[in-house]
Structure formats: structure tokens, C-alpha cells
Amino acid sequence: MAKEEPQSISRDLQELQKKLSLLIDSFQNNSKLPQHSRISLDSDDGVSRLGSAGSKVVAFMKSPVGQYLDSHPFLAFTLLVFIVMSAVPVGFFLLIVVLTTLAALLGVIILEGLVISVGGFSLLCILCGLGFVSLAMSGMMIASYVVVSSLISCWFSPRPLTQQNTSCDFLPAMKSAEFEGLYQE
């Protein structure tokens, strides 16, 4: 009974290989692949070839690592499963790296836009404030110029003493010669 199981397993494997060969042939006949890139299961060295990538596979299988994996199929299958399963986390990691980079670039653009907007608004407020202050200061300077010039014109105007200037509420300082001339009349 122990010898019957390996024969049935080898028979099952041969049937699976025939079905796989038929399936691959049907795909190749329906596909538009060139003849040199089609899979060949009936190669002399037992390794499937796929165009120019097949030569790399053949070279790997002839290397010491390929020979070791060929003689230890469980280890080869474990390594294959590990590579396939590690592709998902590595892919997610690379996706996160790309998204983080894009987010950083976008964040820099958004941050730059925010800084420019806040800076522009601040500059607008400062310039409006400076405009108001300059308007107030120029108004005060013009008003003080008018007041000072009218005071100076009142104090130092060359007018006769007999005419009283009603716009001035105070008497200008007079020289003593002019003062004596007033009382002599």
C-alpha cells in the first residue's frame, strides 16, 4: 500500500502537467505574443523559458544557489512564499513613502501659500495703517503750518500801530521808540 501512493501521486502529477500544458497552449494560441516569448514546457534542461528572461532563469538555476534550491524544494517554496508575501508590506511601505513625499511637497506648497497669504494680509494692514497715520500726520502738519504762519504773520507784520488787527487777540511786542511815539500825539 505504501508503494501504491507514490504511483498515484506521480500519475496525478503527470495528469496535472498535461492539463497545465494544454491550458498554456490554449492561452498561447489565443494570445498575440510573438513565438520567441511563449512558454515552453518541453525544453531540454527542464527549465521554462520566457524570451530573454529565460536566459536569466537558466543562469540562476545553474548557479550554486539555484542548484541548492533545486535539490531542496521545500526551502525554495518557502523562499518563494516569503518573497511573494513580503511584496505586499514592501509595496505598502513604498506607497507610504511616495504619498508622504507628495504630501510634503503639497504641504510645502500649501504652507508657502499660507505664509504668503498671511504675509500679504499683514502687509496690507500695515500699509493701510501707515496710510492712515501719514494722512493724520500730514493733516496735523498742515494745520500746525497754518497756525504757526498766521501767528508769525500777526506777530511780525509791518503795520502801523494805529490800525488794530482784529484777528489777533494780543499785541505784538513793540520797540521803545514806537512806544514813545504813541504818547506824543
C-alpha atoms as a PDB file:
ATOM      1  CA  MET A   1       0.000   0.000   0.000  1.00  0.00           C
ATOM      2  CA  ALA A   2       2.941   2.300   0.611  1.00  0.00           C
ATOM      3  CA  LYS A   3       4.124   1.739  -2.978  1.00  0.00           C
ATOM      4  CA  GLU A   4       0.675   2.494  -4.423  1.00  0.00           C
ATOM      5  CA  GLU A   5       0.580   6.052  -3.042  1.00  0.00           C
ATOM      6  CA  PRO A   6       3.712   7.252  -4.846  1.00  0.00           C
ATOM      7  CA  GLN A   7       2.467   5.769  -8.124  1.00  0.00           C
ATOM      8  CA  SER A   8      -0.894   7.511  -7.723  1.00  0.00           C
ATOM      9  CA  ILE A   9       0.859  10.762  -6.813  1.00  0.00           C
ATOM     10  CA  SER A  10       3.144  10.550  -9.829  1.00  0.00           C
ATOM     11  CA  ARG A  11       0.145   9.703 -12.033  1.00  0.00           C
ATOM     12  CA  ASP A  12      -1.737  12.724 -10.600  1.00  0.00           C
ATOM     13  CA  LEU A  13       1.289  14.951 -11.203  1.00  0.00           C
ATOM     14  CA  GLN A  14       1.538  13.747 -14.798  1.00  0.00           C
ATOM     15  CA  GLU A  15      -2.147  14.476 -15.356  1.00  0.00           C
ATOM     16  CA  LEU A  16      -1.753  17.934 -13.812  1.00  0.00           C
ATOM     17  CA  GLN A  17       1.256  18.593 -16.021  1.00  0.00           C
ATOM     18  CA  LYS A  18      -0.696  17.560 -19.126  1.00  0.00           C
ATOM     19  CA  LYS A  19      -3.632  19.793 -18.128  1.00  0.00           C
ATOM     20  CA  LEU A  20      -1.274  22.690 -17.427  1.00  0.00           C
ATOM     21  CA  SER A  21       0.431  22.135 -20.753  1.00  0.00           C
ATOM     22  CA  LEU A  22      -2.920  22.156 -22.544  1.00  0.00           C
ATOM     23  CA  LEU A  23      -4.003  25.289 -20.685  1.00  0.00           C
ATOM     24  CA  ILE A  24      -0.758  27.094 -21.533  1.00  0.00           C
ATOM     25  CA  ASP A  25      -1.048  26.015 -25.165  1.00  0.00           C
ATOM     26  CA  SER A  26      -4.602  27.319 -25.373  1.00  0.00           C
ATOM     27  CA  PHE A  27      -3.518  30.658 -23.899  1.00  0.00           C
ATOM     28  CA  GLN A  28      -0.589  30.877 -26.295  1.00  0.00           C
ATOM     29  CA  ASN A  29      -2.727  30.072 -29.305  1.00  0.00           C
ATOM     30  CA  ASN A  30      -5.274  32.744 -28.367  1.00  0.00           C
ATOM     31  CA  SER A  31      -2.713  35.367 -27.393  1.00  0.00           C
ATOM     32  CA  LYS A  32      -0.850  37.739 -29.668  1.00  0.00           C
ATOM     33  CA  LEU A  33       2.578  37.093 -28.146  1.00  0.00           C
ATOM     34  CA  PRO A  34       5.483  36.571 -30.520  1.00  0.00           C
ATOM     35  CA  GLN A  35       6.711  32.988 -30.848  1.00  0.00           C
ATOM     36  CA  HIS A  36      10.041  33.607 -29.028  1.00  0.00           C
ATOM     37  CA  SER A  37       8.323  34.901 -25.867  1.00  0.00           C
ATOM     38  CA  ARG A  38       5.984  31.934 -25.394  1.00  0.00           C
ATOM     39  CA  ILE A  39       6.484  29.441 -22.576  1.00  0.00           C
ATOM     40  CA  SER A  40       7.974  26.099 -23.487  1.00  0.00           C
ATOM     41  CA  LEU A  41       7.470  23.210 -21.053  1.00  0.00           C
ATOM     42  CA  ASP A  42       9.302  20.715 -23.230  1.00  0.00           C
ATOM     43  CA  SER A  43      12.780  22.249 -23.008  1.00  0.00           C
ATOM     44  CA  ASP A  44      15.882  20.075 -22.765  1.00  0.00           C
ATOM     45  CA  ASP A  45      17.129  21.383 -19.421  1.00  0.00           C
ATOM     46  CA  GLY A  46      13.703  21.200 -17.728  1.00  0.00           C
ATOM     47  CA  VAL A  47      13.529  24.919 -17.089  1.00  0.00           C
ATOM     48  CA  SER A  48      10.750  27.058 -18.585  1.00  0.00           C
ATOM     49  CA  ARG A  49      11.929  29.924 -20.731  1.00  0.00           C
ATOM     50  CA  LEU A  50      10.214  33.208 -21.403  1.00  0.00           C
ATOM     51  CA  GLY A  51      12.100  35.205 -24.005  1.00  0.00           C
ATOM     52  CA  SER A  52      15.253  36.917 -22.783  1.00  0.00           C
ATOM     53  CA  ALA A  53      14.185  36.500 -19.131  1.00  0.00           C
ATOM     54  CA  GLY A  54      14.543  32.739 -19.623  1.00  0.00           C
ATOM     55  CA  SER A  55      18.295  33.030 -20.044  1.00  0.00           C
ATOM     56  CA  LYS A  56      18.495  34.728 -16.647  1.00  0.00           C
ATOM     57  CA  VAL A  57      16.434  31.960 -15.076  1.00  0.00           C
ATOM     58  CA  VAL A  58      18.672  29.332 -16.685  1.00  0.00           C
ATOM     59  CA  ALA A  59      21.746  31.155 -15.432  1.00  0.00           C
ATOM     60  CA  PHE A  60      20.283  31.323 -11.914  1.00  0.00           C
ATOM     61  CA  MET A  61      19.350  27.644 -11.948  1.00  0.00           C
ATOM     62  CA  LYS A  62      22.912  26.726 -12.966  1.00  0.00           C
ATOM     63  CA  SER A  63      24.377  28.779 -10.101  1.00  0.00           C
ATOM     64  CA  PRO A  64      25.163  27.095  -6.734  1.00  0.00           C
ATOM     65  CA  VAL A  65      22.164  28.778  -5.072  1.00  0.00           C
ATOM     66  CA  GLY A  66      19.843  27.591  -7.855  1.00  0.00           C
ATOM     67  CA  GLN A  67      21.259  24.049  -7.605  1.00  0.00           C
ATOM     68  CA  TYR A  68      20.734  24.085  -3.813  1.00  0.00           C
ATOM     69  CA  LEU A  69      17.142  25.329  -4.163  1.00  0.00           C
ATOM     70  CA  ASP A  70      16.514  22.726  -6.870  1.00  0.00           C
ATOM     71  CA  SER A  71      17.638  19.973  -4.516  1.00  0.00           C
ATOM     72  CA  HIS A  72      15.579  21.409  -1.592  1.00  0.00           C
ATOM     73  CA  PRO A  73      12.097  22.175  -2.983  1.00  0.00           C
ATOM     74  CA  PHE A  74      10.524  22.914   0.424  1.00  0.00           C
ATOM     75  CA  LEU A  75      13.112  25.639   1.051  1.00  0.00           C
ATOM     76  CA  ALA A  76      12.581  27.004  -2.477  1.00  0.00           C
ATOM     77  CA  PHE A  77       8.816  27.080  -1.926  1.00  0.00           C
ATOM     78  CA  THR A  78       9.291  28.750   1.480  1.00  0.00           C
ATOM     79  CA  LEU A  79      11.549  31.366  -0.103  1.00  0.00           C
ATOM     80  CA  LEU A  80       9.028  31.940  -2.898  1.00  0.00           C
ATOM     81  CA  VAL A  81       6.170  32.356  -0.410  1.00  0.00           C
ATOM     82  CA  PHE A  82       8.293  34.724   1.676  1.00  0.00           C
ATOM     83  CA  ILE A  83       9.135  36.859  -1.369  1.00  0.00           C
ATOM     84  CA  VAL A  84       5.523  36.977  -2.521  1.00  0.00           C
ATOM     85  CA  MET A  85       4.179  37.772   0.930  1.00  0.00           C
ATOM     86  CA  SER A  86       6.849  40.371   1.622  1.00  0.00           C
ATOM     87  CA  ALA A  87       5.921  42.156  -1.609  1.00  0.00           C
ATOM     88  CA  VAL A  88       2.708  43.472  -0.019  1.00  0.00           C
ATOM     89  CA  PRO A  89       4.344  45.195   3.002  1.00  0.00           C
ATOM     90  CA  VAL A  90       7.212  46.461   0.852  1.00  0.00           C
ATOM     91  CA  GLY A  91       4.658  47.790  -1.643  1.00  0.00           C
ATOM     92  CA  PHE A  92       2.713  49.497   1.138  1.00  0.00           C
ATOM     93  CA  PHE A  93       5.935  50.965   2.508  1.00  0.00           C
ATOM     94  CA  LEU A  94       6.909  52.330  -0.898  1.00  0.00           C
ATOM     95  CA  LEU A  95       3.381  53.681  -1.361  1.00  0.00           C
ATOM     96  CA  ILE A  96       3.601  55.435   2.012  1.00  0.00           C
ATOM     97  CA  VAL A  97       6.998  56.871   1.060  1.00  0.00           C
ATOM     98  CA  VAL A  98       5.648  58.217  -2.225  1.00  0.00           C
ATOM     99  CA  LEU A  99       2.488  59.583  -0.611  1.00  0.00           C
ATOM    100  CA  THR A 100       4.486  61.158   2.207  1.00  0.00           C
ATOM    101  CA  THR A 101       6.787  62.783  -0.315  1.00  0.00           C
ATOM    102  CA  LEU A 102       3.844  64.095  -2.307  1.00  0.00           C
ATOM    103  CA  ALA A 103       2.147  65.274   0.877  1.00  0.00           C
ATOM    104  CA  ALA A 104       5.324  67.025   1.955  1.00  0.00           C
ATOM    105  CA  LEU A 105       5.602  68.746  -1.399  1.00  0.00           C
ATOM    106  CA  LEU A 106       1.938  69.645  -1.339  1.00  0.00           C
ATOM    107  CA  GLY A 107       2.264  70.685   2.300  1.00  0.00           C
ATOM    108  CA  VAL A 108       5.184  72.935   1.424  1.00  0.00           C
ATOM    109  CA  ILE A 109       3.121  74.467  -1.356  1.00  0.00           C
ATOM    110  CA  ILE A 110       0.135  74.903   0.963  1.00  0.00           C
ATOM    111  CA  LEU A 111       2.359  76.190   3.749  1.00  0.00           C
ATOM    112  CA  GLU A 112       4.072  78.563   1.339  1.00  0.00           C
ATOM    113  CA  GLY A 113       0.678  79.766   0.131  1.00  0.00           C
ATOM    114  CA  LEU A 114      -0.474  80.204   3.720  1.00  0.00           C
ATOM    115  CA  VAL A 115       2.656  82.149   4.650  1.00  0.00           C
ATOM    116  CA  ILE A 116       2.345  84.338   1.555  1.00  0.00           C
ATOM    117  CA  SER A 117      -1.351  84.940   2.267  1.00  0.00           C
ATOM    118  CA  VAL A 118      -0.764  85.816   5.914  1.00  0.00           C
ATOM    119  CA  GLY A 119       2.231  87.955   4.962  1.00  0.00           C
ATOM    120  CA  GLY A 120       0.242  89.730   2.242  1.00  0.00           C
ATOM    121  CA  PHE A 121      -2.646  90.375   4.615  1.00  0.00           C
ATOM    122  CA  SER A 122      -0.229  91.664   7.262  1.00  0.00           C
ATOM    123  CA  LEU A 123       1.455  93.901   4.684  1.00  0.00           C
ATOM    124  CA  LEU A 124      -1.943  95.218   3.590  1.00  0.00           C
ATOM    125  CA  CYS A 125      -2.886  96.012   7.204  1.00  0.00           C
ATOM    126  CA  ILE A 126       0.464  97.693   7.857  1.00  0.00           C
ATOM    127  CA  LEU A 127       0.238  99.765   4.664  1.00  0.00           C
ATOM    128  CA  CYS A 128      -3.346 100.814   5.476  1.00  0.00           C
ATOM    129  CA  GLY A 129      -2.231 101.782   8.975  1.00  0.00           C
ATOM    130  CA  LEU A 130       0.729 103.724   7.584  1.00  0.00           C
ATOM    131  CA  GLY A 131      -1.609 105.459   5.126  1.00  0.00           C
ATOM    132  CA  PHE A 132      -3.919 106.497   7.962  1.00  0.00           C
ATOM    133  CA  VAL A 133      -1.003 107.653  10.126  1.00  0.00           C
ATOM    134  CA  SER A 134       0.580 109.585   7.241  1.00  0.00           C
ATOM    135  CA  LEU A 135      -2.792 111.209   6.448  1.00  0.00           C
ATOM    136  CA  ALA A 136      -3.216 112.205  10.112  1.00  0.00           C
ATOM    137  CA  MET A 137       0.368 113.434  10.386  1.00  0.00           C
ATOM    138  CA  SER A 138       0.172 115.448   7.171  1.00  0.00           C
ATOM    139  CA  GLY A 139      -3.148 116.946   8.329  1.00  0.00           C
ATOM    140  CA  MET A 140      -1.595 117.901  11.675  1.00  0.00           C
ATOM    141  CA  MET A 141       1.497 119.292   9.937  1.00  0.00           C
ATOM    142  CA  ILE A 142      -0.622 121.370   7.528  1.00  0.00           C
ATOM    143  CA  ALA A 143      -2.797 122.597  10.414  1.00  0.00           C
ATOM    144  CA  SER A 144       0.271 123.469  12.502  1.00  0.00           C
ATOM    145  CA  TYR A 145       1.842 125.225   9.480  1.00  0.00           C
ATOM    146  CA  VAL A 146      -1.303 127.310   9.003  1.00  0.00           C
ATOM    147  CA  VAL A 147      -1.464 128.177  12.721  1.00  0.00           C
ATOM    148  CA  VAL A 148       2.251 128.959  13.021  1.00  0.00           C
ATOM    149  CA  SER A 149       2.312 131.011   9.819  1.00  0.00           C
ATOM    150  CA  SER A 150      -0.729 133.040  10.911  1.00  0.00           C
ATOM    151  CA  LEU A 151       0.838 133.613  14.321  1.00  0.00           C
ATOM    152  CA  ILE A 152       4.099 134.701  12.754  1.00  0.00           C
ATOM    153  CA  SER A 153       2.260 136.990  10.347  1.00  0.00           C
ATOM    154  CA  CYS A 154       0.384 138.525  13.303  1.00  0.00           C
ATOM    155  CA  TRP A 155       3.498 138.981  15.432  1.00  0.00           C
ATOM    156  CA  PHE A 156       5.856 140.278  12.809  1.00  0.00           C
ATOM    157  CA  SER A 157       3.593 142.050  10.326  1.00  0.00           C
ATOM    158  CA  PRO A 158       4.747 145.572   9.209  1.00  0.00           C
ATOM    159  CA  ARG A 159       1.555 147.513  10.011  1.00  0.00           C
ATOM    160  CA  PRO A 160       1.019 150.892  11.556  1.00  0.00           C
ATOM    161  CA  LEU A 161       0.180 150.933  15.228  1.00  0.00           C
ATOM    162  CA  THR A 162      -2.942 152.969  14.780  1.00  0.00           C
ATOM    163  CA  GLN A 163      -4.637 150.150  12.928  1.00  0.00           C
ATOM    164  CA  GLN A 164      -5.745 147.395  15.230  1.00  0.00           C
ATOM    165  CA  ASN A 165      -5.797 143.914  13.747  1.00  0.00           C
ATOM    166  CA  THR A 166      -8.936 142.305  14.969  1.00  0.00           C
ATOM    167  CA  SER A 167      -7.796 138.844  14.061  1.00  0.00           C
ATOM    168  CA  CYS A 168      -5.018 138.944  16.666  1.00  0.00           C
ATOM    169  CA  ASP A 169      -6.091 138.804  20.294  1.00  0.00           C
ATOM    170  CA  PHE A 170      -2.783 140.025  21.636  1.00  0.00           C
ATOM    171  CA  LEU A 171      -0.486 142.937  20.995  1.00  0.00           C
ATOM    172  CA  PRO A 172       2.808 142.293  19.330  1.00  0.00           C
ATOM    173  CA  ALA A 173       5.957 143.252  21.154  1.00  0.00           C
ATOM    174  CA  MET A 174       6.831 146.895  20.293  1.00  0.00           C
ATOM    175  CA  LYS A 175      10.113 148.692  20.310  1.00  0.00           C
ATOM    176  CA  SER A 176      10.525 151.506  22.782  1.00  0.00           C
ATOM    177  CA  ALA A 177      10.862 154.159  20.031  1.00  0.00           C
ATOM    178  CA  GLU A 178       7.495 153.264  18.637  1.00  0.00           C
ATOM    179  CA  PHE A 179       6.037 153.236  22.140  1.00  0.00           C
ATOM    180  CA  GLU A 180       7.239 156.785  22.836  1.00  0.00           C
ATOM    181  CA  GLY A 181       5.779 157.970  19.534  1.00  0.00           C
ATOM    182  CA  LEU A 182       2.334 156.856  20.561  1.00  0.00           C
ATOM    183  CA  TYR A 183       2.079 159.048  23.634  1.00  0.00           C
ATOM    184  CA  GLN A 184       3.433 162.087  21.962  1.00  0.00           C
ATOM    185  CA  GLU A 185       0.488 162.592  19.656  1.00  0.00           C
END
